[in-house]
Amino acid sequence: MIKFALASRAPRVLAGYDWPALGKTMGRHLKLRHLSSVGLKFVSAVEMRQLNRAYRQADRPTDVLSFEAAEVPGKVANPDYLGDIVICPSYAQAEAKRQQVDVKEELLRLVVHGVLHLCGYDHCTPKQEAKMFKLQEQLVMKHVARNT
């Protein structure tokens, strides 16, 4: 199971029950043996642009950034701490509109995407991308189907 530690207020479309339910679904599907924790923060487009510039040298906002535990300054080494995820809700809202999906679904997709990165998944090659995105969509759809 994954426990999400929110470092900011989540967008209103995300309910309190989403966190433990999503954490349980992901932990079970990813076969995590212990309770793992993930820090989660929602930020403005301005703050996301600053983070993206500082950590990825891309001077623009993005939807989600993941920071593995080893990359998070000031965190004590803990094998059950996967890392932190930062999400930009306004970017997610625009993407949801573009993709014609619900904003809640898109935000959950970004959380799942970030956790998959923290668990070692990547999308640098077409093969990696296909594997990661297939798993991402399975997890999102499983959560949405169980919690609607």
N, C-alpha and C. Protein backbone atom coordinates (compact mmCIF):
# COMPACT_ATOMS: atom_id res chain seq x y z
N MET A 1 0.84 -1.18 0.00
CA MET A 1 0.00 0.00 0.00
C MET A 1 0.89 1.24 0.00
N ILE A 2 0.37 2.27 -0.61
CA ILE A 2 1.08 3.55 -0.63
C ILE A 2 0.28 4.55 0.19
N LYS A 3 0.96 5.24 1.06
CA LYS A 3 0.33 6.30 1.85
C LYS A 3 0.80 7.63 1.27
N PHE A 4 -0.17 8.47 0.90
CA PHE A 4 0.15 9.78 0.36
C PHE A 4 0.15 10.81 1.48
N ALA A 5 1.24 11.56 1.57
CA ALA A 5 1.36 12.64 2.55
C ALA A 5 1.22 13.96 1.78
N LEU A 6 0.07 14.60 1.94
CA LEU A 6 -0.19 15.83 1.21
C LEU A 6 0.51 17.01 1.88
N ALA A 7 1.30 17.73 1.08
CA ALA A 7 2.04 18.90 1.56
C ALA A 7 1.31 20.19 1.20
N SER A 8 0.15 20.06 0.57
CA SER A 8 -0.68 21.21 0.21
C SER A 8 -2.11 20.71 0.12
N ARG A 9 -3.02 21.64 -0.04
CA ARG A 9 -4.42 21.24 -0.19
C ARG A 9 -4.62 20.68 -1.59
N ALA A 10 -5.33 19.57 -1.65
CA ALA A 10 -5.61 18.93 -2.94
C ALA A 10 -6.77 19.66 -3.62
N PRO A 11 -6.83 19.62 -4.93
CA PRO A 11 -7.98 20.21 -5.63
C PRO A 11 -9.28 19.58 -5.13
N ARG A 12 -10.34 20.36 -5.12
CA ARG A 12 -11.62 19.92 -4.56
C ARG A 12 -12.20 18.69 -5.23
N VAL A 13 -11.88 18.47 -6.50
CA VAL A 13 -12.45 17.32 -7.20
C VAL A 13 -11.93 15.99 -6.65
N LEU A 14 -10.81 16.02 -5.93
CA LEU A 14 -10.26 14.82 -5.33
C LEU A 14 -10.80 14.67 -3.92
N ALA A 15 -11.42 13.54 -3.65
CA ALA A 15 -12.03 13.30 -2.34
C ALA A 15 -11.01 12.65 -1.40
N GLY A 16 -11.28 12.76 -0.11
CA GLY A 16 -10.40 12.16 0.89
C GLY A 16 -10.24 10.66 0.71
N TYR A 17 -11.29 9.98 0.26
CA TYR A 17 -11.21 8.53 0.07
C TYR A 17 -10.34 8.14 -1.12
N ASP A 18 -10.06 9.07 -2.03
CA ASP A 18 -9.24 8.73 -3.19
C ASP A 18 -7.83 8.30 -2.78
N TRP A 19 -7.27 8.92 -1.76
CA TRP A 19 -5.87 8.65 -1.41
C TRP A 19 -5.67 7.24 -0.90
N PRO A 20 -6.40 6.79 0.13
CA PRO A 20 -6.17 5.40 0.57
C PRO A 20 -6.59 4.38 -0.49
N ALA A 21 -7.65 4.66 -1.22
CA ALA A 21 -8.11 3.72 -2.25
C ALA A 21 -7.08 3.60 -3.37
N LEU A 22 -6.56 4.71 -3.84
CA LEU A 22 -5.55 4.68 -4.89
C LEU A 22 -4.27 4.03 -4.38
N GLY A 23 -3.88 4.37 -3.16
CA GLY A 23 -2.68 3.78 -2.56
C GLY A 23 -2.78 2.27 -2.42
N LYS A 24 -3.96 1.79 -2.07
CA LYS A 24 -4.17 0.35 -1.93
C LYS A 24 -4.11 -0.33 -3.30
N THR A 25 -4.79 0.25 -4.29
CA THR A 25 -4.78 -0.31 -5.65
C THR A 25 -3.36 -0.37 -6.21
N MET A 26 -2.63 0.72 -6.06
CA MET A 26 -1.28 0.77 -6.62
C MET A 26 -0.34 -0.17 -5.88
N GLY A 27 -0.40 -0.16 -4.57
CA GLY A 27 0.48 -1.03 -3.78
C GLY A 27 0.28 -2.49 -4.12
N ARG A 28 -0.99 -2.88 -4.27
CA ARG A 28 -1.31 -4.27 -4.60
C ARG A 28 -0.82 -4.61 -6.01
N HIS A 29 -1.11 -3.74 -6.96
CA HIS A 29 -0.75 -4.01 -8.36
C HIS A 29 0.76 -3.99 -8.58
N LEU A 30 1.46 -3.11 -7.86
CA LEU A 30 2.91 -3.00 -8.01
C LEU A 30 3.65 -3.98 -7.10
N LYS A 31 2.89 -4.74 -6.31
CA LYS A 31 3.44 -5.76 -5.41
C LYS A 31 4.42 -5.17 -4.41
N LEU A 32 4.06 -4.02 -3.84
CA LEU A 32 4.90 -3.42 -2.81
C LEU A 32 4.72 -4.22 -1.52
N ARG A 33 5.80 -4.63 -0.93
CA ARG A 33 5.75 -5.52 0.24
C ARG A 33 5.47 -4.79 1.54
N HIS A 34 5.82 -3.52 1.60
CA HIS A 34 5.64 -2.75 2.83
C HIS A 34 4.83 -1.50 2.52
N LEU A 35 4.29 -0.92 3.55
CA LEU A 35 3.63 0.37 3.40
C LEU A 35 4.68 1.37 2.94
N SER A 36 4.43 2.00 1.82
CA SER A 36 5.37 2.98 1.27
C SER A 36 4.72 4.35 1.31
N SER A 37 5.52 5.38 1.48
CA SER A 37 4.97 6.73 1.53
C SER A 37 5.48 7.56 0.36
N VAL A 38 4.59 8.47 -0.07
CA VAL A 38 4.89 9.39 -1.17
C VAL A 38 4.42 10.77 -0.75
N GLY A 39 5.29 11.76 -0.85
CA GLY A 39 4.90 13.14 -0.61
C GLY A 39 4.20 13.68 -1.85
N LEU A 40 3.17 14.45 -1.66
CA LEU A 40 2.39 14.96 -2.79
C LEU A 40 2.06 16.42 -2.56
N LYS A 41 2.38 17.24 -3.56
CA LYS A 41 2.13 18.67 -3.45
C LYS A 41 1.52 19.18 -4.74
N PHE A 42 0.51 20.04 -4.60
CA PHE A 42 -0.14 20.68 -5.74
C PHE A 42 0.31 22.13 -5.76
N VAL A 43 0.76 22.60 -6.93
CA VAL A 43 1.34 23.94 -7.03
C VAL A 43 0.76 24.72 -8.21
N SER A 44 0.99 26.01 -8.20
CA SER A 44 0.55 26.88 -9.30
C SER A 44 1.44 26.67 -10.52
N ALA A 45 0.99 27.19 -11.65
CA ALA A 45 1.78 27.11 -12.89
C ALA A 45 3.10 27.86 -12.74
N VAL A 46 3.08 28.97 -12.01
CA VAL A 46 4.31 29.75 -11.80
C VAL A 46 5.32 28.93 -11.00
N GLU A 47 4.86 28.31 -9.93
CA GLU A 47 5.77 27.50 -9.11
C GLU A 47 6.26 26.27 -9.89
N MET A 48 5.37 25.67 -10.67
CA MET A 48 5.77 24.49 -11.46
C MET A 48 6.82 24.88 -12.50
N ARG A 49 6.66 26.05 -13.09
CA ARG A 49 7.65 26.51 -14.06
C ARG A 49 9.01 26.69 -13.39
N GLN A 50 9.02 27.25 -12.20
CA GLN A 50 10.27 27.44 -11.46
C GLN A 50 10.94 26.10 -11.16
N LEU A 51 10.14 25.13 -10.72
CA LEU A 51 10.68 23.81 -10.41
C LEU A 51 11.19 23.12 -11.67
N ASN A 52 10.44 23.22 -12.75
CA ASN A 52 10.84 22.60 -14.01
C ASN A 52 12.14 23.22 -14.53
N ARG A 53 12.26 24.52 -14.36
CA ARG A 53 13.49 25.21 -14.79
C ARG A 53 14.67 24.77 -13.92
N ALA A 54 14.46 24.70 -12.62
CA ALA A 54 15.54 24.36 -11.70
C ALA A 54 16.00 22.91 -11.83
N TYR A 55 15.06 21.99 -12.04
CA TYR A 55 15.41 20.57 -12.02
C TYR A 55 15.49 19.90 -13.38
N ARG A 56 14.84 20.48 -14.39
CA ARG A 56 14.87 19.85 -15.72
C ARG A 56 15.38 20.80 -16.80
N GLN A 57 15.75 22.00 -16.40
CA GLN A 57 16.26 23.02 -17.33
C GLN A 57 15.26 23.30 -18.46
N ALA A 58 13.98 23.21 -18.15
CA ALA A 58 12.92 23.51 -19.12
C ALA A 58 12.13 24.71 -18.57
N ASP A 59 12.22 25.83 -19.25
CA ASP A 59 11.63 27.08 -18.76
C ASP A 59 10.15 27.18 -19.16
N ARG A 60 9.35 26.25 -18.63
CA ARG A 60 7.92 26.23 -18.89
C ARG A 60 7.27 25.37 -17.81
N PRO A 61 6.00 25.59 -17.56
CA PRO A 61 5.33 24.70 -16.60
C PRO A 61 5.14 23.32 -17.21
N THR A 62 4.88 22.35 -16.39
CA THR A 62 4.59 20.99 -16.83
C THR A 62 3.50 20.43 -15.93
N ASP A 63 3.04 19.24 -16.22
CA ASP A 63 1.93 18.68 -15.45
C ASP A 63 2.37 18.03 -14.14
N VAL A 64 3.46 17.25 -14.19
CA VAL A 64 3.90 16.50 -13.01
C VAL A 64 5.41 16.36 -13.00
N LEU A 65 5.98 16.45 -11.82
CA LEU A 65 7.40 16.18 -11.60
C LEU A 65 7.51 15.17 -10.46
N SER A 66 8.45 14.25 -10.60
CA SER A 66 8.69 13.24 -9.57
C SER A 66 10.13 13.38 -9.10
N PHE A 67 10.30 13.25 -7.78
CA PHE A 67 11.62 13.33 -7.19
C PHE A 67 11.84 12.08 -6.35
N GLU A 68 12.70 11.18 -6.81
CA GLU A 68 12.98 9.96 -6.05
C GLU A 68 13.55 10.34 -4.69
N ALA A 69 13.38 9.46 -3.73
CA ALA A 69 13.79 9.73 -2.35
C ALA A 69 15.22 10.25 -2.27
N ALA A 70 16.13 9.69 -3.04
CA ALA A 70 17.54 10.11 -3.01
C ALA A 70 17.72 11.54 -3.48
N GLU A 71 16.76 12.08 -4.24
CA GLU A 71 16.86 13.43 -4.79
C GLU A 71 16.25 14.50 -3.88
N VAL A 72 15.54 14.07 -2.83
CA VAL A 72 14.82 15.01 -1.98
C VAL A 72 15.73 15.46 -0.85
N PRO A 73 16.15 16.75 -0.87
CA PRO A 73 17.05 17.24 0.17
C PRO A 73 16.37 17.26 1.54
N GLY A 74 17.14 16.91 2.55
CA GLY A 74 16.65 16.99 3.92
C GLY A 74 15.82 15.81 4.37
N LYS A 75 15.59 14.84 3.53
CA LYS A 75 14.81 13.66 3.92
C LYS A 75 15.76 12.59 4.45
N VAL A 76 15.40 12.02 5.57
CA VAL A 76 16.19 10.96 6.17
C VAL A 76 16.01 9.70 5.33
N ALA A 77 17.09 8.98 5.13
CA ALA A 77 17.02 7.74 4.35
C ALA A 77 16.02 6.79 4.99
N ASN A 78 15.02 6.40 4.22
CA ASN A 78 13.98 5.51 4.70
C ASN A 78 13.58 4.63 3.52
N PRO A 79 13.77 3.33 3.62
CA PRO A 79 13.49 2.47 2.47
C PRO A 79 12.01 2.46 2.07
N ASP A 80 11.13 2.89 2.95
CA ASP A 80 9.70 2.89 2.65
C ASP A 80 9.22 4.23 2.09
N TYR A 81 10.11 5.20 1.99
CA TYR A 81 9.78 6.51 1.42
C TYR A 81 10.22 6.49 -0.03
N LEU A 82 9.24 6.55 -0.95
CA LEU A 82 9.56 6.48 -2.38
C LEU A 82 10.05 7.80 -2.94
N GLY A 83 9.51 8.92 -2.45
CA GLY A 83 9.89 10.23 -2.96
C GLY A 83 8.70 11.18 -2.97
N ASP A 84 8.84 12.27 -3.71
CA ASP A 84 7.82 13.31 -3.77
C ASP A 84 7.32 13.50 -5.20
N ILE A 85 6.05 13.88 -5.29
CA ILE A 85 5.43 14.20 -6.58
C ILE A 85 4.86 15.60 -6.46
N VAL A 86 5.07 16.40 -7.50
CA VAL A 86 4.52 17.76 -7.57
C VAL A 86 3.62 17.81 -8.81
N ILE A 87 2.40 18.31 -8.63
CA ILE A 87 1.42 18.37 -9.71
C ILE A 87 0.88 19.79 -9.85
N CYS A 88 0.69 20.20 -11.09
CA CYS A 88 0.12 21.51 -11.40
C CYS A 88 -1.34 21.32 -11.84
N PRO A 89 -2.32 21.60 -10.95
CA PRO A 89 -3.73 21.39 -11.29
C PRO A 89 -4.21 22.19 -12.50
N SER A 90 -3.72 23.42 -12.69
CA SER A 90 -4.19 24.21 -13.83
C SER A 90 -3.72 23.59 -15.14
N TYR A 91 -2.53 23.03 -15.16
CA TYR A 91 -2.03 22.33 -16.34
C TYR A 91 -2.87 21.08 -16.58
N ALA A 92 -3.17 20.36 -15.51
CA ALA A 92 -4.00 19.16 -15.61
C ALA A 92 -5.40 19.49 -16.12
N GLN A 93 -5.93 20.59 -15.68
CA GLN A 93 -7.27 20.99 -16.12
C GLN A 93 -7.28 21.27 -17.63
N ALA A 94 -6.26 21.96 -18.11
CA ALA A 94 -6.17 22.25 -19.54
C ALA A 94 -6.00 20.96 -20.35
N GLU A 95 -5.20 20.04 -19.83
CA GLU A 95 -4.97 18.77 -20.52
C GLU A 95 -6.24 17.92 -20.52
N ALA A 96 -6.97 17.93 -19.42
CA ALA A 96 -8.23 17.19 -19.35
C ALA A 96 -9.22 17.70 -20.40
N LYS A 97 -9.27 19.00 -20.54
CA LYS A 97 -10.17 19.59 -21.54
C LYS A 97 -9.72 19.18 -22.94
N ARG A 98 -8.41 19.24 -23.19
CA ARG A 98 -7.87 18.88 -24.50
C ARG A 98 -8.13 17.41 -24.83
N GLN A 99 -7.99 16.55 -23.83
CA GLN A 99 -8.18 15.10 -24.02
C GLN A 99 -9.65 14.68 -23.87
N GLN A 100 -10.48 15.63 -23.47
CA GLN A 100 -11.91 15.38 -23.24
C GLN A 100 -12.14 14.29 -22.18
N VAL A 101 -11.43 14.45 -21.07
CA VAL A 101 -11.62 13.56 -19.92
C VAL A 101 -11.93 14.41 -18.69
N ASP A 102 -12.43 13.77 -17.68
CA ASP A 102 -12.76 14.42 -16.43
C ASP A 102 -11.48 14.93 -15.74
N VAL A 103 -11.56 16.09 -15.13
CA VAL A 103 -10.39 16.67 -14.45
C VAL A 103 -9.90 15.75 -13.33
N LYS A 104 -10.82 15.17 -12.59
CA LYS A 104 -10.43 14.26 -11.51
C LYS A 104 -9.63 13.09 -12.08
N GLU A 105 -10.10 12.53 -13.17
CA GLU A 105 -9.40 11.41 -13.80
C GLU A 105 -7.99 11.82 -14.22
N GLU A 106 -7.86 13.01 -14.78
CA GLU A 106 -6.54 13.47 -15.22
C GLU A 106 -5.61 13.69 -14.03
N LEU A 107 -6.12 14.25 -12.95
CA LEU A 107 -5.29 14.44 -11.75
C LEU A 107 -4.84 13.10 -11.19
N LEU A 108 -5.75 12.13 -11.14
CA LEU A 108 -5.38 10.80 -10.67
C LEU A 108 -4.34 10.17 -11.59
N ARG A 109 -4.49 10.38 -12.88
CA ARG A 109 -3.52 9.87 -13.86
C ARG A 109 -2.13 10.43 -13.57
N LEU A 110 -2.06 11.71 -13.20
CA LEU A 110 -0.76 12.33 -12.91
C LEU A 110 -0.15 11.77 -11.62
N VAL A 111 -0.99 11.50 -10.63
CA VAL A 111 -0.49 10.87 -9.40
C VAL A 111 0.08 9.50 -9.73
N VAL A 112 -0.67 8.71 -10.47
CA VAL A 112 -0.22 7.37 -10.87
C VAL A 112 1.09 7.48 -11.68
N HIS A 113 1.11 8.39 -12.63
CA HIS A 113 2.30 8.60 -13.45
C HIS A 113 3.52 8.89 -12.57
N GLY A 114 3.34 9.80 -11.63
CA GLY A 114 4.45 10.16 -10.73
C GLY A 114 4.92 8.98 -9.89
N VAL A 115 3.97 8.21 -9.35
CA VAL A 115 4.34 7.05 -8.54
C VAL A 115 5.09 6.02 -9.39
N LEU A 116 4.63 5.81 -10.61
CA LEU A 116 5.33 4.85 -11.47
C LEU A 116 6.78 5.28 -11.70
N HIS A 117 7.00 6.57 -11.89
CA HIS A 117 8.39 7.05 -12.01
C HIS A 117 9.17 6.74 -10.74
N LEU A 118 8.57 6.96 -9.58
CA LEU A 118 9.25 6.69 -8.31
C LEU A 118 9.55 5.21 -8.13
N CYS A 119 8.78 4.36 -8.80
CA CYS A 119 8.98 2.91 -8.73
C CYS A 119 9.90 2.39 -9.83
N GLY A 120 10.51 3.31 -10.59
CA GLY A 120 11.50 2.91 -11.58
C GLY A 120 11.02 2.83 -13.02
N TYR A 121 9.75 3.13 -13.27
CA TYR A 121 9.26 3.12 -14.65
C TYR A 121 9.67 4.42 -15.34
N ASP A 122 9.86 4.34 -16.65
CA ASP A 122 10.22 5.52 -17.42
C ASP A 122 9.63 5.39 -18.82
N HIS A 123 9.74 6.45 -19.59
CA HIS A 123 9.20 6.44 -20.95
C HIS A 123 10.17 7.11 -21.93
N CYS A 124 11.44 6.74 -21.80
CA CYS A 124 12.47 7.29 -22.68
C CYS A 124 12.53 6.60 -24.04
N THR A 125 12.08 5.37 -24.10
CA THR A 125 12.06 4.64 -25.37
C THR A 125 10.61 4.25 -25.68
N PRO A 126 10.30 3.97 -26.92
CA PRO A 126 8.94 3.55 -27.26
C PRO A 126 8.47 2.32 -26.48
N LYS A 127 9.36 1.36 -26.28
CA LYS A 127 9.01 0.15 -25.53
C LYS A 127 8.70 0.48 -24.07
N GLN A 128 9.56 1.31 -23.44
CA GLN A 128 9.32 1.72 -22.06
C GLN A 128 8.01 2.50 -21.95
N GLU A 129 7.80 3.39 -22.91
CA GLU A 129 6.59 4.22 -22.91
C GLU A 129 5.33 3.36 -23.00
N ALA A 130 5.34 2.40 -23.90
CA ALA A 130 4.18 1.52 -24.07
C ALA A 130 3.88 0.77 -22.77
N LYS A 131 4.92 0.24 -22.15
CA LYS A 131 4.76 -0.52 -20.91
C LYS A 131 4.23 0.37 -19.78
N MET A 132 4.87 1.53 -19.61
CA MET A 132 4.49 2.42 -18.51
C MET A 132 3.08 2.97 -18.70
N PHE A 133 2.76 3.42 -19.90
CA PHE A 133 1.46 4.03 -20.13
C PHE A 133 0.33 3.01 -20.07
N LYS A 134 0.60 1.78 -20.49
CA LYS A 134 -0.41 0.72 -20.37
C LYS A 134 -0.72 0.47 -18.90
N LEU A 135 0.31 0.35 -18.09
CA LEU A 135 0.13 0.14 -16.65
C LEU A 135 -0.56 1.34 -16.02
N GLN A 136 -0.15 2.52 -16.40
CA GLN A 136 -0.76 3.75 -15.88
C GLN A 136 -2.27 3.75 -16.12
N GLU A 137 -2.67 3.46 -17.35
CA GLU A 137 -4.10 3.48 -17.69
C GLU A 137 -4.86 2.37 -16.97
N GLN A 138 -4.24 1.21 -16.81
CA GLN A 138 -4.89 0.12 -16.06
C GLN A 138 -5.17 0.56 -14.63
N LEU A 139 -4.19 1.18 -14.00
CA LEU A 139 -4.35 1.62 -12.61
C LEU A 139 -5.39 2.72 -12.48
N VAL A 140 -5.37 3.67 -13.38
CA VAL A 140 -6.36 4.76 -13.33
C VAL A 140 -7.76 4.21 -13.53
N MET A 141 -7.94 3.38 -14.53
CA MET A 141 -9.27 2.83 -14.82
C MET A 141 -9.77 1.93 -13.70
N LYS A 142 -8.87 1.18 -13.09
CA LYS A 142 -9.24 0.32 -11.96
C LYS A 142 -9.74 1.19 -10.80
N HIS A 143 -9.02 2.26 -10.51
CA HIS A 143 -9.44 3.16 -9.42
C HIS A 143 -10.77 3.83 -9.75
N VAL A 144 -10.90 4.36 -10.95
CA VAL A 144 -12.13 5.06 -11.35
C VAL A 144 -13.32 4.10 -11.30
N ALA A 145 -13.15 2.88 -11.79
CA ALA A 145 -14.25 1.91 -11.80
C ALA A 145 -14.69 1.55 -10.39
N ARG A 146 -13.77 1.45 -9.47
CA ARG A 146 -14.09 1.06 -8.10
C ARG A 146 -14.66 2.21 -7.27
N ASN A 147 -14.38 3.43 -7.67
CA ASN A 147 -14.72 4.58 -6.81
C ASN A 147 -15.66 5.58 -7.46
N THR A 148 -16.50 5.12 -8.38
CA THR A 148 -17.48 6.04 -8.96
C THR A 148 -18.88 5.56 -8.67
